[in-house]
């Protein structure tokens, strides 16, 4: 049975990634304890776990605050993610068994309609499954964990970037090039196509971060 602190942490992670909790929003243990009908100890533990993963910052007299990113931080994190995911794709091209390659292809093909019809919510869900299949196929748990931690820190902005409608079909076509490289066990092509895919989305992502901060839609400075 999941610990109360883990249940609360997972729920808050989802709210941060969906944008229900936005950068600059406060989270306090008293409110969490009341909301989830738990004691303040697991509420405090959940906040500490979020802080350890970089999703919130604990500030004296203010409690925990959901963290946002500057445009420079967004670019730096996307560059790092591109390196990590490119290596995962290269390893997957060497190590992914045939049944998992088939699963990756099936997810890619399933996502075609959502990309064409601009069904952002469905595409985001399938996009997550697609990338996680590749992380798993790399057969490197440490690399897998690093990628997931980095993506978690960026999740709100990344999901928002896929709401840019022109990005969906472009992302799907980029996935196709990654699929082809991994299916052909072409290590260099897998690395290159995944790096290009992440950096292509990264330009949209960084512009979005800058725009959100310029228009005051993040509340960290208040």
Protein backbone atom coordinates (compact mmCIF):
# COMPACT_ATOMS: atom_id res chain seq x y z
CA UNK A 1 0.00 0.00 0.00
CA UNK A 2 1.38 3.42 -0.97
CA UNK A 3 2.49 5.75 1.79
CA UNK A 4 0.31 8.83 2.27
CA UNK A 5 3.25 11.09 1.43
CA UNK A 6 3.83 9.27 -1.88
CA UNK A 7 0.15 9.51 -2.81
CA UNK A 8 0.15 13.25 -2.15
CA UNK A 9 3.44 13.76 -4.00
CA UNK A 10 2.18 11.96 -7.11
CA UNK A 11 -1.03 13.99 -7.08
CA UNK A 12 0.88 17.26 -6.79
CA UNK A 13 3.30 16.24 -9.54
CA UNK A 14 0.32 15.71 -11.83
CA UNK A 15 -1.15 19.08 -10.90
CA UNK A 16 2.17 20.79 -11.60
CA UNK A 17 2.65 19.02 -14.94
CA UNK A 18 -0.92 19.83 -16.05
CA UNK A 19 -0.59 23.49 -15.08
CA UNK A 20 -3.27 23.30 -12.40
CA UNK A 21 -0.48 24.35 -10.04
CA UNK A 22 1.53 27.02 -11.80
CA UNK A 23 5.01 28.46 -11.21
CA UNK A 24 4.80 30.80 -8.24
CA UNK A 25 1.86 29.05 -6.56
CA UNK A 26 2.28 28.28 -2.86
CA UNK A 27 1.87 24.88 -1.25
CA UNK A 28 1.65 24.60 2.53
CA UNK A 29 1.52 21.50 4.66
CA UNK A 30 -1.50 22.60 6.70
CA UNK A 31 -3.67 22.97 3.60
CA UNK A 32 -2.38 19.68 2.19
CA UNK A 33 -3.14 17.87 5.43
CA UNK A 34 -6.70 19.21 5.41
CA UNK A 35 -7.23 18.53 1.71
CA UNK A 36 -6.06 14.91 1.83
CA UNK A 37 -7.28 14.17 5.37
CA UNK A 38 -3.82 13.23 6.60
CA UNK A 39 -1.53 14.43 9.37
CA UNK A 40 0.98 17.18 8.73
CA UNK A 41 3.92 14.76 8.81
CA UNK A 42 3.18 13.02 5.48
CA UNK A 43 2.17 16.38 4.01
CA UNK A 44 5.58 17.75 5.00
CA UNK A 45 7.30 14.66 3.58
CA UNK A 46 5.50 15.11 0.24
CA UNK A 47 6.67 18.72 0.03
CA UNK A 48 10.24 17.69 0.84
CA UNK A 49 10.12 15.07 -1.93
CA UNK A 50 8.94 17.69 -4.41
CA UNK A 51 11.74 20.00 -3.30
CA UNK A 52 14.31 17.22 -3.76
CA UNK A 53 13.14 16.72 -7.35
CA UNK A 54 13.38 20.44 -8.09
CA UNK A 55 9.66 21.03 -8.57
CA UNK A 56 9.23 23.35 -5.59
CA UNK A 57 11.43 25.53 -3.45
CA UNK A 58 10.98 25.85 0.31
CA UNK A 59 11.20 29.50 1.33
CA UNK A 60 11.31 30.87 4.88
CA UNK A 61 7.95 32.30 5.95
CA UNK A 62 6.42 31.45 2.58
CA UNK A 63 6.30 27.65 2.66
CA UNK A 64 6.87 25.82 -0.61
CA UNK A 65 6.57 27.60 -3.96
CA UNK A 66 6.21 25.89 -7.35
CA UNK A 67 9.32 26.67 -9.37
CA UNK A 68 9.34 28.05 -12.88
CA UNK A 69 12.22 28.41 -15.31
CA UNK A 70 13.98 31.33 -16.90
CA UNK A 71 14.50 31.21 -20.67
CA UNK A 72 18.22 30.51 -20.10
CA UNK A 73 17.41 27.64 -17.73
CA UNK A 74 14.94 26.25 -20.24
CA UNK A 75 17.56 26.24 -22.99
CA UNK A 76 20.16 24.63 -20.71
CA UNK A 77 17.78 21.90 -19.58
CA UNK A 78 16.63 21.19 -23.13
CA UNK A 79 20.23 20.90 -24.32
CA UNK A 80 20.90 18.46 -21.49
CA UNK A 81 17.75 16.49 -22.28
CA UNK A 82 18.77 16.30 -25.95
CA UNK A 83 22.09 14.72 -24.98
CA UNK A 84 20.46 12.25 -22.59
CA UNK A 85 17.64 11.20 -24.91
CA UNK A 86 19.97 10.95 -27.90
CA UNK A 87 22.12 8.49 -25.97
CA UNK A 88 19.03 6.55 -24.87
CA UNK A 89 17.95 6.24 -28.51
CA UNK A 90 21.44 5.09 -29.53
CA UNK A 91 21.44 2.43 -26.81
CA UNK A 92 17.90 1.37 -27.74
CA UNK A 93 19.05 0.87 -31.34
CA UNK A 94 21.53 -1.67 -29.98
CA UNK A 95 19.55 -3.26 -27.17
CA UNK A 96 15.80 -2.97 -27.71
CA UNK A 97 14.28 -6.44 -28.32
CA UNK A 98 11.94 -7.01 -31.25
CA UNK A 99 8.75 -7.05 -29.18
CA UNK A 100 9.57 -3.63 -27.74
CA UNK A 101 10.46 -2.29 -31.18
CA UNK A 102 7.02 -3.46 -32.30
CA UNK A 103 5.46 -1.70 -29.31
CA UNK A 104 7.29 1.54 -30.17
CA UNK A 105 6.09 1.34 -33.78
CA UNK A 106 2.50 0.67 -32.65
CA UNK A 107 2.51 3.73 -30.39
CA UNK A 108 3.96 5.83 -33.20
CA UNK A 109 1.27 4.68 -35.63
CA UNK A 110 -1.48 5.15 -33.04
CA UNK A 111 -0.40 8.76 -32.54
CA UNK A 112 -0.85 9.65 -36.23
CA UNK A 113 -4.53 10.57 -35.93
CA UNK A 114 -4.06 12.72 -32.84
CA UNK A 115 -1.27 14.65 -34.58
CA UNK A 116 -3.32 15.12 -37.76
CA UNK A 117 -6.52 16.04 -35.90
CA UNK A 118 -4.62 18.32 -33.48
CA UNK A 119 -5.86 16.28 -30.51
CA UNK A 120 -3.24 17.65 -28.15
CA UNK A 121 -4.26 15.76 -25.00
CA UNK A 122 -4.12 12.37 -26.72
CA UNK A 123 -0.88 13.21 -28.49
CA UNK A 124 0.80 14.26 -25.23
CA UNK A 125 -0.21 10.95 -23.62
CA UNK A 126 1.09 8.90 -26.56
CA UNK A 127 4.21 11.04 -26.83
CA UNK A 128 5.04 10.19 -23.22
CA UNK A 129 4.54 6.47 -23.89
CA UNK A 130 6.66 6.65 -27.04
CA UNK A 131 9.62 8.24 -25.32
CA UNK A 132 9.38 5.99 -22.25
CA UNK A 133 9.45 2.92 -24.47
CA UNK A 134 12.77 4.14 -25.84
CA UNK A 135 14.17 4.89 -22.36
CA UNK A 136 13.22 1.38 -21.27
CA UNK A 137 14.71 -0.08 -24.45
CA UNK A 138 18.07 1.53 -23.66
CA UNK A 139 18.45 -0.93 -20.76
CA UNK A 140 20.20 1.68 -18.60
CA UNK A 141 18.26 2.43 -15.42
CA UNK A 142 20.50 5.31 -14.35
CA UNK A 143 20.06 7.07 -17.71
CA UNK A 144 16.33 6.32 -17.61
CA UNK A 145 16.06 7.92 -14.17
CA UNK A 146 18.04 11.02 -15.19
CA UNK A 147 15.82 11.60 -18.21
CA UNK A 148 12.61 11.19 -16.22
CA UNK A 149 13.83 13.56 -13.51
CA UNK A 150 14.79 16.18 -16.09
CA UNK A 151 11.49 15.86 -17.93
CA UNK A 152 9.54 16.10 -14.69
CA UNK A 153 11.17 19.47 -13.97
CA UNK A 154 10.13 20.70 -17.42
CA UNK A 155 6.75 19.01 -17.72
CA UNK A 156 4.40 21.99 -17.49
CA UNK A 157 6.25 23.98 -20.13
CA UNK A 158 6.84 20.94 -22.34
CA UNK A 159 3.14 20.03 -22.37
CA UNK A 160 2.30 23.65 -23.10
CA UNK A 161 4.73 23.70 -26.04
CA UNK A 162 2.81 20.81 -27.63
CA UNK A 163 -0.28 22.98 -27.45
CA UNK A 164 1.34 24.95 -30.26
CA UNK A 165 -0.68 23.26 -32.99
CA UNK A 166 2.01 23.48 -35.66
CA UNK A 167 4.27 21.43 -33.40
CA UNK A 168 2.16 18.26 -33.33
CA UNK A 169 2.56 17.05 -36.91
CA UNK A 170 6.21 18.10 -36.96
CA UNK A 171 6.81 16.12 -33.77
CA UNK A 172 5.08 13.06 -35.26
CA UNK A 173 7.23 13.15 -38.40
CA UNK A 174 10.35 13.50 -36.25
CA UNK A 175 9.25 10.43 -34.29
CA UNK A 176 9.07 8.56 -37.59
CA UNK A 177 12.75 9.22 -38.28
CA UNK A 178 13.64 7.99 -34.79
CA UNK A 179 11.56 4.85 -35.30
CA UNK A 180 13.27 4.10 -38.60
CA UNK A 181 16.73 4.46 -37.09
CA UNK A 182 16.00 2.22 -34.09
CA UNK A 183 14.20 -0.37 -36.22
CA UNK A 184 17.28 -0.54 -38.48
CA UNK A 185 19.64 -0.74 -35.48
CA UNK A 186 21.39 2.37 -36.85
CA UNK A 187 23.06 3.72 -33.72
CA UNK A 188 24.40 6.95 -35.21
CA UNK A 189 21.11 7.80 -36.93
CA UNK A 190 19.14 7.04 -33.75
CA UNK A 191 21.35 9.40 -31.78
CA UNK A 192 21.17 12.15 -34.40
CA UNK A 193 17.44 11.97 -35.09
CA UNK A 194 16.54 11.98 -31.40
CA UNK A 195 18.87 14.88 -30.65
CA UNK A 196 17.40 16.87 -33.55
CA UNK A 197 13.86 16.02 -32.39
CA UNK A 198 14.44 17.25 -28.84
CA UNK A 199 16.22 20.42 -29.97
CA UNK A 200 13.49 21.16 -32.51
CA UNK A 201 10.89 21.06 -29.75
CA UNK A 202 13.29 22.93 -27.50
CA UNK A 203 13.16 26.05 -29.61
CA UNK A 204 9.38 26.20 -29.22
CA UNK A 205 9.76 25.37 -25.53
CA UNK A 206 12.28 28.16 -24.79
CA UNK A 207 10.19 30.72 -26.67
CA UNK A 208 7.15 29.67 -24.64
CA UNK A 209 9.00 30.00 -21.32
CA UNK A 210 10.16 33.49 -22.28
CA UNK A 211 6.66 34.48 -23.41
CA UNK A 212 5.01 33.23 -20.23
CA UNK A 213 7.41 35.17 -18.06
CA UNK A 214 7.11 38.32 -20.18
CA UNK A 215 3.32 38.30 -20.03
CA UNK A 216 3.37 37.65 -16.29
CA UNK A 217 1.66 34.28 -16.44
CA UNK A 218 4.17 32.90 -13.97
CA UNK A 219 3.91 34.33 -10.48
CA UNK A 220 7.34 33.72 -9.00
CA UNK A 221 8.33 37.38 -8.88
CA UNK A 222 5.18 38.43 -7.00
